[in-house]
Amino acid sequence: MTTIDIVPADERSAALLIEHVIWPDPLSLYGKRAKRLRELAVDHPEAAYLEFAAKVCTAQQEIFATLPHANAAPGMTRADALSTHELLAQPCWQEALTRLVQAMPAAAPAGMNEPARLVHQAQSLLQGRFGSVGQRDSVFLWAALSLQWSHVAAHMTSGHEPRGPAQARFDCPTCGSAPSASIIPGGKRGGLRYLHCPLCETRWHLVRAVCSCCGGDDEVEYWSVDEARAVVKLETCGDCHGYLKVCFADFDARADPVADDLASLPLDYEAERMGFLRTGINPFAFPADGP
């Protein structure tokens, strides 16, 4: 492992107009993620599971375009402005789940046609009680929930996103979920750090000098296994002993915070060996307990 000092690019970009929230584009993001997963699966020791995840994302992309979605209320700026109960009462996510099961019948777990059980399991996932839901059930349920939540997020009212560091937050400003990872984009946002929500797929800005879990700035370090320009690194915090991965899309524009996180599990093992606890959620590798 090597430790790398990273200059907070946010400080070098004072004149840059920072977008504090980037709403998702569900019409393309699931397909792009599926493509990235297949690229990462080549010669990977967990190729079979990465291919499975790619199939789920492909099904999500195909389903999204024809799904009867719930609409965001005019002026709504948070997906949880509607209660979880109200969102779960809408048919969108269960219709999405039915289609996911139909698209992948051999891989889908049993019991995916029991509405009361599904609502209970979905509530458990949204409340962070991952250990009470089976891993395969969790993957399919979360994939369906994401289709509904990302649609709502994509229709949030622009111009009402949080402004400035005083409103910086470590959970998703749209739905309240923990992030999957953070990403350093290239292009006009180059050098900035955005946390990525694995539920509604929103991205939100957080300066790179602080921990993405507790906000501490004294003991934040970045680690990579092999090289300084690795696409995925660990961000660890000596204050809260939490960690989250960082994906450097300015090194590789194909990087996806869900796909690249999933394909770099050896980094998780190394972080845990050093005594750090994961603070994020990957929708294809849920923890036994909440982050």
C-alpha atoms as a PDB file:
ATOM      1  CA  MET A   1       0.000   0.000   0.000  1.00  0.00           C
ATOM      2  CA  THR A   2       1.189   3.537  -0.678  1.00  0.00           C
ATOM      3  CA  THR A   3      -0.085   6.759   0.816  1.00  0.00           C
ATOM      4  CA  ILE A   4      -0.498   9.786  -1.428  1.00  0.00           C
ATOM      5  CA  ASP A   5      -0.913  13.447  -0.557  1.00  0.00           C
ATOM      6  CA  ILE A   6      -3.700  14.976  -2.631  1.00  0.00           C
ATOM      7  CA  VAL A   7      -3.955  18.737  -2.898  1.00  0.00           C
ATOM      8  CA  PRO A   8      -7.587  19.812  -2.467  1.00  0.00           C
ATOM      9  CA  ALA A   9      -8.417  20.825  -6.017  1.00  0.00           C
ATOM     10  CA  ASP A  10     -11.393  22.725  -4.643  1.00  0.00           C
ATOM     11  CA  GLU A  11      -8.924  25.272  -3.299  1.00  0.00           C
ATOM     12  CA  ARG A  12      -7.389  25.656  -6.756  1.00  0.00           C
ATOM     13  CA  SER A  13     -10.827  26.225  -8.296  1.00  0.00           C
ATOM     14  CA  ALA A  14     -12.080  29.217  -6.329  1.00  0.00           C
ATOM     15  CA  ALA A  15     -13.228  30.925  -9.513  1.00  0.00           C
ATOM     16  CA  LEU A  16     -15.055  27.813 -10.712  1.00  0.00           C
ATOM     17  CA  LEU A  17     -18.830  27.781 -10.398  1.00  0.00           C
ATOM     18  CA  ILE A  18     -19.302  24.539  -8.495  1.00  0.00           C
ATOM     19  CA  GLU A  19     -22.456  22.499  -9.067  1.00  0.00           C
ATOM     20  CA  HIS A  20     -23.276  21.343  -5.554  1.00  0.00           C
ATOM     21  CA  VAL A  21     -25.750  18.725  -6.765  1.00  0.00           C
ATOM     22  CA  ILE A  22     -25.691  16.771 -10.031  1.00  0.00           C
ATOM     23  CA  TRP A  23     -29.053  15.165 -10.746  1.00  0.00           C
ATOM     24  CA  PRO A  24     -28.992  11.689 -12.345  1.00  0.00           C
ATOM     25  CA  ASP A  25     -29.702  10.752 -15.954  1.00  0.00           C
ATOM     26  CA  PRO A  26     -31.363   7.331 -15.544  1.00  0.00           C
ATOM     27  CA  LEU A  27     -31.990   7.016 -19.282  1.00  0.00           C
ATOM     28  CA  SER A  28     -28.303   6.254 -19.781  1.00  0.00           C
ATOM     29  CA  LEU A  29     -26.557   5.626 -16.456  1.00  0.00           C
ATOM     30  CA  TYR A  30     -27.560   1.974 -15.978  1.00  0.00           C
ATOM     31  CA  GLY A  31     -26.430   1.042 -19.475  1.00  0.00           C
ATOM     32  CA  LYS A  32     -23.098   2.791 -18.947  1.00  0.00           C
ATOM     33  CA  ARG A  33     -22.663   0.966 -15.641  1.00  0.00           C
ATOM     34  CA  ALA A  34     -23.390  -2.381 -17.286  1.00  0.00           C
ATOM     35  CA  LYS A  35     -20.744  -1.673 -19.925  1.00  0.00           C
ATOM     36  CA  ARG A  36     -18.202  -0.721 -17.264  1.00  0.00           C
ATOM     37  CA  LEU A  37     -18.919  -3.875 -15.256  1.00  0.00           C
ATOM     38  CA  ARG A  38     -18.320  -6.026 -18.322  1.00  0.00           C
ATOM     39  CA  GLU A  39     -15.034  -4.241 -18.989  1.00  0.00           C
ATOM     40  CA  LEU A  40     -13.934  -4.820 -15.404  1.00  0.00           C
ATOM     41  CA  ALA A  41     -14.984  -8.481 -15.537  1.00  0.00           C
ATOM     42  CA  VAL A  42     -12.324  -9.355 -18.124  1.00  0.00           C
ATOM     43  CA  ASP A  43      -9.701 -11.535 -16.386  1.00  0.00           C
ATOM     44  CA  HIS A  44     -11.134 -10.587 -12.989  1.00  0.00           C
ATOM     45  CA  PRO A  45     -11.211 -13.304 -10.269  1.00  0.00           C
ATOM     46  CA  GLU A  46     -14.864 -12.408  -9.582  1.00  0.00           C
ATOM     47  CA  ALA A  47     -15.798 -12.166 -13.259  1.00  0.00           C
ATOM     48  CA  ALA A  48     -18.973 -14.234 -12.866  1.00  0.00           C
ATOM     49  CA  TYR A  49     -20.420 -11.907 -10.250  1.00  0.00           C
ATOM     50  CA  LEU A  50     -19.447  -8.783 -12.171  1.00  0.00           C
ATOM     51  CA  GLU A  51     -21.208 -10.242 -15.219  1.00  0.00           C
ATOM     52  CA  PHE A  52     -24.276 -10.924 -13.070  1.00  0.00           C
ATOM     53  CA  ALA A  53     -24.248  -7.309 -11.861  1.00  0.00           C
ATOM     54  CA  ALA A  54     -23.925  -6.155 -15.474  1.00  0.00           C
ATOM     55  CA  LYS A  55     -27.021  -8.168 -16.406  1.00  0.00           C
ATOM     56  CA  VAL A  56     -28.977  -6.521 -13.592  1.00  0.00           C
ATOM     57  CA  CYS A  57     -27.921  -3.070 -14.817  1.00  0.00           C
ATOM     58  CA  THR A  58     -28.791  -3.946 -18.406  1.00  0.00           C
ATOM     59  CA  ALA A  59     -32.251  -5.026 -17.265  1.00  0.00           C
ATOM     60  CA  GLN A  60     -32.603  -1.789 -15.275  1.00  0.00           C
ATOM     61  CA  GLN A  61     -31.783   0.249 -18.368  1.00  0.00           C
ATOM     62  CA  GLU A  62     -34.298  -1.612 -20.519  1.00  0.00           C
ATOM     63  CA  ILE A  63     -37.021  -1.433 -17.885  1.00  0.00           C
ATOM     64  CA  PHE A  64     -36.595   2.241 -17.020  1.00  0.00           C
ATOM     65  CA  ALA A  65     -37.623   3.533 -20.436  1.00  0.00           C
ATOM     66  CA  THR A  66     -41.062   1.881 -20.297  1.00  0.00           C
ATOM     67  CA  LEU A  67     -41.812   1.938 -16.579  1.00  0.00           C
ATOM     68  CA  PRO A  68     -44.921   3.852 -15.366  1.00  0.00           C
ATOM     69  CA  HIS A  69     -43.087   6.182 -13.003  1.00  0.00           C
ATOM     70  CA  ALA A  70     -44.190   8.153  -9.997  1.00  0.00           C
ATOM     71  CA  ASN A  71     -43.782  11.856 -10.675  1.00  0.00           C
ATOM     72  CA  ALA A  72     -42.058  14.340  -8.415  1.00  0.00           C
ATOM     73  CA  ALA A  73     -44.332  17.025  -7.053  1.00  0.00           C
ATOM     74  CA  PRO A  74     -43.803  20.518  -8.532  1.00  0.00           C
ATOM     75  CA  GLY A  75     -41.062  22.347  -6.679  1.00  0.00           C
ATOM     76  CA  MET A  76     -39.937  19.247  -4.825  1.00  0.00           C
ATOM     77  CA  THR A  77     -36.227  19.285  -3.952  1.00  0.00           C
ATOM     78  CA  ARG A  78     -35.866  16.060  -1.969  1.00  0.00           C
ATOM     79  CA  ALA A  79     -37.054  12.569  -2.860  1.00  0.00           C
ATOM     80  CA  ASP A  80     -37.895  12.007   0.798  1.00  0.00           C
ATOM     81  CA  ALA A  81     -40.267  14.992   0.732  1.00  0.00           C
ATOM     82  CA  LEU A  82     -42.672  12.150   0.086  1.00  0.00           C
ATOM     83  CA  SER A  83     -42.499   9.722   2.996  1.00  0.00           C
ATOM     84  CA  THR A  84     -40.953   6.306   2.447  1.00  0.00           C
ATOM     85  CA  HIS A  85     -44.410   4.884   3.107  1.00  0.00           C
ATOM     86  CA  GLU A  86     -45.926   6.953   0.290  1.00  0.00           C
ATOM     87  CA  LEU A  87     -43.172   6.044  -2.158  1.00  0.00           C
ATOM     88  CA  LEU A  88     -43.409   2.348  -1.317  1.00  0.00           C
ATOM     89  CA  ALA A  89     -47.196   2.508  -1.725  1.00  0.00           C
ATOM     90  CA  GLN A  90     -46.758   3.546  -5.360  1.00  0.00           C
ATOM     91  CA  PRO A  91     -46.670   0.676  -7.884  1.00  0.00           C
ATOM     92  CA  CYS A  92     -43.553   1.751  -9.778  1.00  0.00           C
ATOM     93  CA  TRP A  93     -40.903  -0.184  -7.839  1.00  0.00           C
ATOM     94  CA  GLN A  94     -42.929  -3.400  -7.585  1.00  0.00           C
ATOM     95  CA  GLU A  95     -43.615  -3.277 -11.320  1.00  0.00           C
ATOM     96  CA  ALA A  96     -39.881  -2.778 -11.858  1.00  0.00           C
ATOM     97  CA  LEU A  97     -39.135  -5.744  -9.596  1.00  0.00           C
ATOM     98  CA  THR A  98     -41.567  -7.963 -11.504  1.00  0.00           C
ATOM     99  CA  ARG A  99     -39.849  -7.067 -14.776  1.00  0.00           C
ATOM    100  CA  LEU A 100     -36.382  -7.632 -13.296  1.00  0.00           C
ATOM    101  CA  VAL A 101     -37.414 -11.121 -12.192  1.00  0.00           C
ATOM    102  CA  GLN A 102     -38.874 -11.816 -15.638  1.00  0.00           C
ATOM    103  CA  ALA A 103     -35.647 -10.636 -17.270  1.00  0.00           C
ATOM    104  CA  MET A 104     -33.455 -12.845 -15.037  1.00  0.00           C
ATOM    105  CA  PRO A 105     -35.627 -15.786 -13.903  1.00  0.00           C
ATOM    106  CA  ALA A 106     -32.717 -18.142 -13.232  1.00  0.00           C
ATOM    107  CA  ALA A 107     -30.939 -15.660 -10.971  1.00  0.00           C
ATOM    108  CA  ALA A 108     -33.917 -14.192  -9.131  1.00  0.00           C
ATOM    109  CA  PRO A 109     -34.626 -15.459  -5.598  1.00  0.00           C
ATOM    110  CA  ALA A 110     -37.927 -17.048  -4.616  1.00  0.00           C
ATOM    111  CA  GLY A 111     -40.690 -14.998  -3.028  1.00  0.00           C
ATOM    112  CA  MET A 112     -40.434 -12.009  -5.343  1.00  0.00           C
ATOM    113  CA  ASN A 113     -44.214 -12.080  -5.882  1.00  0.00           C
ATOM    114  CA  GLU A 114     -45.333 -11.603  -2.271  1.00  0.00           C
ATOM    115  CA  PRO A 115     -46.242  -7.890  -1.930  1.00  0.00           C
ATOM    116  CA  ALA A 116     -46.449  -7.656   1.864  1.00  0.00           C
ATOM    117  CA  ARG A 117     -43.112  -9.422   2.310  1.00  0.00           C
ATOM    118  CA  LEU A 118     -41.487  -7.249  -0.344  1.00  0.00           C
ATOM    119  CA  VAL A 119     -42.672  -4.013   1.284  1.00  0.00           C
ATOM    120  CA  HIS A 120     -41.295  -5.168   4.635  1.00  0.00           C
ATOM    121  CA  GLN A 121     -37.941  -6.076   3.066  1.00  0.00           C
ATOM    122  CA  ALA A 122     -37.802  -2.803   1.134  1.00  0.00           C
ATOM    123  CA  GLN A 123     -38.417  -0.870   4.348  1.00  0.00           C
ATOM    124  CA  SER A 124     -35.575  -2.786   6.003  1.00  0.00           C
ATOM    125  CA  LEU A 125     -33.178  -1.885   3.194  1.00  0.00           C
ATOM    126  CA  LEU A 126     -34.149   1.781   3.201  1.00  0.00           C
ATOM    127  CA  GLN A 127     -33.665   1.906   6.973  1.00  0.00           C
ATOM    128  CA  GLY A 128     -30.199   0.337   6.729  1.00  0.00           C
ATOM    129  CA  ARG A 129     -31.169  -3.013   8.287  1.00  0.00           C
ATOM    130  CA  PHE A 130     -29.378  -4.971   5.571  1.00  0.00           C
ATOM    131  CA  GLY A 131     -28.725  -8.041   7.706  1.00  0.00           C
ATOM    132  CA  SER A 132     -32.456  -8.810   7.862  1.00  0.00           C
ATOM    133  CA  VAL A 133     -32.702  -9.241   4.075  1.00  0.00           C
ATOM    134  CA  GLY A 134     -30.938 -11.941   2.059  1.00  0.00           C
ATOM    135  CA  GLN A 135     -28.102 -10.793  -0.199  1.00  0.00           C
ATOM    136  CA  ARG A 136     -29.740 -11.842  -3.478  1.00  0.00           C
ATOM    137  CA  ASP A 137     -33.111 -10.449  -2.370  1.00  0.00           C
ATOM    138  CA  SER A 138     -31.357  -7.175  -1.522  1.00  0.00           C
ATOM    139  CA  VAL A 139     -29.780  -6.863  -4.960  1.00  0.00           C
ATOM    140  CA  PHE A 140     -33.072  -7.257  -6.828  1.00  0.00           C
ATOM    141  CA  LEU A 141     -35.084  -5.118  -4.412  1.00  0.00           C
ATOM    142  CA  TRP A 142     -32.544  -2.288  -4.413  1.00  0.00           C
ATOM    143  CA  ALA A 143     -32.321  -2.383  -8.205  1.00  0.00           C
ATOM    144  CA  ALA A 144     -36.087  -1.918  -8.409  1.00  0.00           C
ATOM    145  CA  LEU A 145     -36.156   0.808  -5.747  1.00  0.00           C
ATOM    146  CA  SER A 146     -33.349   2.635  -7.522  1.00  0.00           C
ATOM    147  CA  LEU A 147     -35.415   2.848 -10.703  1.00  0.00           C
ATOM    148  CA  GLN A 148     -38.180   4.673  -8.831  1.00  0.00           C
ATOM    149  CA  TRP A 149     -35.919   6.863  -6.683  1.00  0.00           C
ATOM    150  CA  SER A 150     -33.651   7.867  -9.576  1.00  0.00           C
ATOM    151  CA  HIS A 151     -36.665   8.898 -11.638  1.00  0.00           C
ATOM    152  CA  VAL A 152     -37.892  11.130  -8.819  1.00  0.00           C
ATOM    153  CA  ALA A 153     -34.386  12.558  -8.339  1.00  0.00           C
ATOM    154  CA  ALA A 154     -34.052  13.249 -12.060  1.00  0.00           C
ATOM    155  CA  HIS A 155     -37.166  15.409 -11.861  1.00  0.00           C
ATOM    156  CA  MET A 156     -36.145  17.464  -8.850  1.00  0.00           C
ATOM    157  CA  THR A 157     -36.473  21.210  -9.287  1.00  0.00           C
ATOM    158  CA  SER A 158     -33.160  22.605 -10.463  1.00  0.00           C
ATOM    159  CA  GLY A 159     -31.911  25.745  -8.772  1.00  0.00           C
ATOM    160  CA  HIS A 160     -32.828  24.544  -5.288  1.00  0.00           C
ATOM    161  CA  GLU A 161     -29.746  22.433  -4.631  1.00  0.00           C
ATOM    162  CA  PRO A 162     -27.725  23.073  -1.465  1.00  0.00           C
ATOM    163  CA  ARG A 163     -25.300  25.978  -1.717  1.00  0.00           C
ATOM    164  CA  GLY A 164     -21.866  26.351  -0.172  1.00  0.00           C
ATOM    165  CA  PRO A 165     -19.834  24.489   2.448  1.00  0.00           C
ATOM    166  CA  ALA A 166     -22.109  25.487   5.317  1.00  0.00           C
ATOM    167  CA  GLN A 167     -24.639  23.044   3.919  1.00  0.00           C
ATOM    168  CA  ALA A 168     -22.113  20.310   3.134  1.00  0.00           C
ATOM    169  CA  ARG A 169     -23.457  16.906   4.061  1.00  0.00           C
ATOM    170  CA  PHE A 170     -22.293  13.329   4.110  1.00  0.00           C
ATOM    171  CA  ASP A 171     -25.572  11.618   3.212  1.00  0.00           C
ATOM    172  CA  CYS A 172     -27.448  12.156  -0.040  1.00  0.00           C
ATOM    173  CA  PRO A 173     -29.155  15.584  -0.122  1.00  0.00           C
ATOM    174  CA  THR A 174     -31.878  14.123  -2.306  1.00  0.00           C
ATOM    175  CA  CYS A 175     -32.884  10.876  -0.568  1.00  0.00           C
ATOM    176  CA  GLY A 176     -30.723  10.615   2.555  1.00  0.00           C
ATOM    177  CA  SER A 177     -28.848   7.450   1.580  1.00  0.00           C
ATOM    178  CA  ALA A 178     -25.204   6.862   2.433  1.00  0.00           C
ATOM    179  CA  PRO A 179     -22.887   7.154  -0.607  1.00  0.00           C
ATOM    180  CA  SER A 180     -21.425   4.202  -2.489  1.00  0.00           C
ATOM    181  CA  ALA A 181     -18.130   5.964  -3.188  1.00  0.00           C
ATOM    182  CA  SER A 182     -16.877   9.341  -4.290  1.00  0.00           C
ATOM    183  CA  ILE A 183     -15.756  10.281  -7.774  1.00  0.00           C
ATOM    184  CA  ILE A 184     -13.299  12.832  -9.123  1.00  0.00           C
ATOM    185  CA  PRO A 185     -14.652  13.817 -12.558  1.00  0.00           C
ATOM    186  CA  GLY A 186     -12.630  15.039 -15.480  1.00  0.00           C
ATOM    187  CA  GLY A 187     -13.494  17.916 -17.792  1.00  0.00           C
ATOM    188  CA  LYS A 188     -15.036  21.107 -16.433  1.00  0.00           C
ATOM    189  CA  ARG A 189     -15.498  19.526 -12.991  1.00  0.00           C
ATOM    190  CA  GLY A 190     -11.941  18.195 -12.967  1.00  0.00           C
ATOM    191  CA  GLY A 191     -10.386  17.912  -9.530  1.00  0.00           C
ATOM    192  CA  LEU A 192     -13.638  18.323  -7.591  1.00  0.00           C
ATOM    193  CA  ARG A 193     -14.976  15.509  -5.415  1.00  0.00           C
ATOM    194  CA  TYR A 194     -18.560  14.294  -5.609  1.00  0.00           C
ATOM    195  CA  LEU A 195     -20.168  11.672  -3.416  1.00  0.00           C
ATOM    196  CA  HIS A 196     -22.431   9.275  -5.319  1.00  0.00           C
ATOM    197  CA  CYS A 197     -25.762   7.943  -4.056  1.00  0.00           C
ATOM    198  CA  PRO A 198     -26.388   4.257  -4.890  1.00  0.00           C
ATOM    199  CA  LEU A 199     -30.162   4.640  -4.462  1.00  0.00           C
ATOM    200  CA  CYS A 200     -31.318   7.741  -6.361  1.00  0.00           C
ATOM    201  CA  GLU A 201     -27.982   8.135  -8.241  1.00  0.00           C
ATOM    202  CA  THR A 202     -27.580  11.806  -7.277  1.00  0.00           C
ATOM    203  CA  ARG A 203     -24.054  13.210  -6.879  1.00  0.00           C
ATOM    204  CA  TRP A 204     -23.207  15.979  -4.429  1.00  0.00           C
ATOM    205  CA  HIS A 205     -20.092  18.028  -3.901  1.00  0.00           C
ATOM    206  CA  LEU A 206     -17.868  17.713  -0.843  1.00  0.00           C
ATOM    207  CA  VAL A 207     -14.422  19.259  -0.593  1.00  0.00           C
ATOM    208  CA  ARG A 208     -11.598  16.740  -0.823  1.00  0.00           C
ATOM    209  CA  ALA A 209      -9.792  17.958   2.300  1.00  0.00           C
ATOM    210  CA  VAL A 210     -12.378  16.471   4.688  1.00  0.00           C
ATOM    211  CA  CYS A 211     -13.512  12.978   5.620  1.00  0.00           C
ATOM    212  CA  SER A 212     -16.663  11.953   3.760  1.00  0.00           C
ATOM    213  CA  CYS A 213     -18.083  10.436   6.944  1.00  0.00           C
ATOM    214  CA  CYS A 214     -17.268  12.710   9.905  1.00  0.00           C
ATOM    215  CA  GLY A 215     -15.960  15.886   8.262  1.00  0.00           C
ATOM    216  CA  GLY A 216     -12.603  15.684  10.018  1.00  0.00           C
ATOM    217  CA  ASP A 217      -9.609  17.086   8.155  1.00  0.00           C
ATOM    218  CA  ASP A 218      -6.611  16.173  10.317  1.00  0.00           C
ATOM    219  CA  GLU A 219      -6.059  12.494   9.503  1.00  0.00           C
ATOM    220  CA  VAL A 220      -7.477  11.902   6.024  1.00  0.00           C
ATOM    221  CA  GLU A 221      -5.209   9.712   3.905  1.00  0.00           C
ATOM    222  CA  TYR A 222      -5.455   8.152   0.445  1.00  0.00           C
ATOM    223  CA  TRP A 223      -4.131   4.676  -0.291  1.00  0.00           C
ATOM    224  CA  SER A 224      -3.651   2.538  -3.382  1.00  0.00           C
ATOM    225  CA  VAL A 225      -2.359  -0.994  -3.765  1.00  0.00           C
ATOM    226  CA  ASP A 226      -0.270  -0.611  -6.869  1.00  0.00           C
ATOM    227  CA  GLU A 227       0.289   2.848  -8.324  1.00  0.00           C
ATOM    228  CA  ALA A 228      -0.126   6.554  -7.692  1.00  0.00           C
ATOM    229  CA  ARG A 229      -2.513   6.933 -10.648  1.00  0.00           C
ATOM    230  CA  ALA A 230      -4.745   4.006  -9.675  1.00  0.00           C
ATOM    231  CA  VAL A 231      -8.353   4.591 -10.734  1.00  0.00           C
ATOM    232  CA  VAL A 232      -9.668   3.487  -7.320  1.00  0.00           C
ATOM    233  CA  LYS A 233      -8.129   4.466  -3.987  1.00  0.00           C
ATOM    234  CA  LEU A 234      -9.107   4.239  -0.343  1.00  0.00           C
ATOM    235  CA  GLU A 235      -9.920   7.372   1.596  1.00  0.00           C
ATOM    236  CA  THR A 236      -9.362   6.598   5.282  1.00  0.00           C
ATOM    237  CA  CYS A 237      -9.939   8.771   8.327  1.00  0.00           C
ATOM    238  CA  GLY A 238      -7.891   8.420  11.488  1.00  0.00           C
ATOM    239  CA  ASP A 239     -10.494  10.399  13.438  1.00  0.00           C
ATOM    240  CA  CYS A 240     -13.593   8.233  12.897  1.00  0.00           C
ATOM    241  CA  HIS A 241     -11.774   5.139  11.534  1.00  0.00           C
ATOM    242  CA  GLY A 242     -14.115   5.011   8.573  1.00  0.00           C
ATOM    243  CA  TYR A 243     -13.241   4.606   4.907  1.00  0.00           C
ATOM    244  CA  LEU A 244     -14.789   5.141   1.502  1.00  0.00           C
ATOM    245  CA  LYS A 245     -13.363   4.585  -1.950  1.00  0.00           C
ATOM    246  CA  VAL A 246     -12.546   7.341  -4.409  1.00  0.00           C
ATOM    247  CA  CYS A 247     -12.857   6.759  -8.171  1.00  0.00           C
ATOM    248  CA  PHE A 248     -10.645   8.956 -10.327  1.00  0.00           C
ATOM    249  CA  ALA A 249     -12.576   9.536 -13.544  1.00  0.00           C
ATOM    250  CA  ASP A 250      -9.964  12.128 -14.455  1.00  0.00           C
ATOM    251  CA  PHE A 251      -7.583   9.136 -14.807  1.00  0.00           C
ATOM    252  CA  ASP A 252     -10.160   6.925 -16.570  1.00  0.00           C
ATOM    253  CA  ALA A 253     -13.365   8.523 -17.858  1.00  0.00           C
ATOM    254  CA  ARG A 254     -15.118   5.125 -17.819  1.00  0.00           C
ATOM    255  CA  ALA A 255     -14.930   4.902 -14.009  1.00  0.00           C
ATOM    256  CA  ASP A 256     -18.259   4.313 -12.271  1.00  0.00           C
ATOM    257  CA  PRO A 257     -18.556   4.642  -8.473  1.00  0.00           C
ATOM    258  CA  VAL A 258     -20.695   1.515  -8.145  1.00  0.00           C
ATOM    259  CA  ALA A 259     -18.959  -0.698 -10.717  1.00  0.00           C
ATOM    260  CA  ASP A 260     -15.386   0.235  -9.836  1.00  0.00           C
ATOM    261  CA  ASP A 261     -16.126  -0.054  -6.135  1.00  0.00           C
ATOM    262  CA  LEU A 262     -17.511  -3.572  -6.617  1.00  0.00           C
ATOM    263  CA  ALA A 263     -14.517  -4.642  -8.706  1.00  0.00           C
ATOM    264  CA  SER A 264     -11.996  -3.494  -6.081  1.00  0.00           C
ATOM    265  CA  LEU A 265     -12.981  -5.577  -3.051  1.00  0.00           C
ATOM    266  CA  PRO A 266      -9.301  -6.338  -2.191  1.00  0.00           C
ATOM    267  CA  LEU A 267      -9.081  -2.694  -1.138  1.00  0.00           C
ATOM    268  CA  ASP A 268     -11.916  -3.306   1.316  1.00  0.00           C
ATOM    269  CA  TYR A 269     -10.097  -6.287   2.788  1.00  0.00           C
ATOM    270  CA  GLU A 270      -6.960  -4.182   3.203  1.00  0.00           C
ATOM    271  CA  ALA A 271      -8.897  -1.340   4.830  1.00  0.00           C
ATOM    272  CA  GLU A 272     -10.512  -3.725   7.288  1.00  0.00           C
ATOM    273  CA  ARG A 273      -7.124  -5.304   8.034  1.00  0.00           C
ATOM    274  CA  MET A 274      -5.883  -1.836   8.999  1.00  0.00           C
ATOM    275  CA  GLY A 275      -8.850  -1.370  11.346  1.00  0.00           C
ATOM    276  CA  PHE A 276     -11.106   0.873   9.236  1.00  0.00           C
ATOM    277  CA  LEU A 277     -14.853   0.393   8.802  1.00  0.00           C
ATOM    278  CA  ARG A 278     -16.695   0.975   5.535  1.00  0.00           C
ATOM    279  CA  THR A 279     -19.099   3.924   5.606  1.00  0.00           C
ATOM    280  CA  GLY A 280     -20.725   3.443   2.190  1.00  0.00           C
ATOM    281  CA  ILE A 281     -23.184   1.111   0.472  1.00  0.00           C
ATOM    282  CA  ASN A 282     -22.707  -0.910  -2.693  1.00  0.00           C
ATOM    283  CA  PRO A 283     -26.002  -2.226  -4.116  1.00  0.00           C
ATOM    284  CA  PHE A 284     -24.298  -5.472  -5.154  1.00  0.00           C
ATOM    285  CA  ALA A 285     -22.435  -6.105  -1.885  1.00  0.00           C
ATOM    286  CA  PHE A 286     -24.541  -5.094   1.090  1.00  0.00           C
ATOM    287  CA  PRO A 287     -23.028  -5.202   4.583  1.00  0.00           C
ATOM    288  CA  ALA A 288     -24.493  -7.460   7.242  1.00  0.00           C
ATOM    289  CA  ASP A 289     -25.398  -4.324   9.195  1.00  0.00           C
ATOM    290  CA  GLY A 290     -25.890  -0.667   8.295  1.00  0.00           C
ATOM    291  CA  PRO A 291     -22.838   1.493   7.408  1.00  0.00           C
END
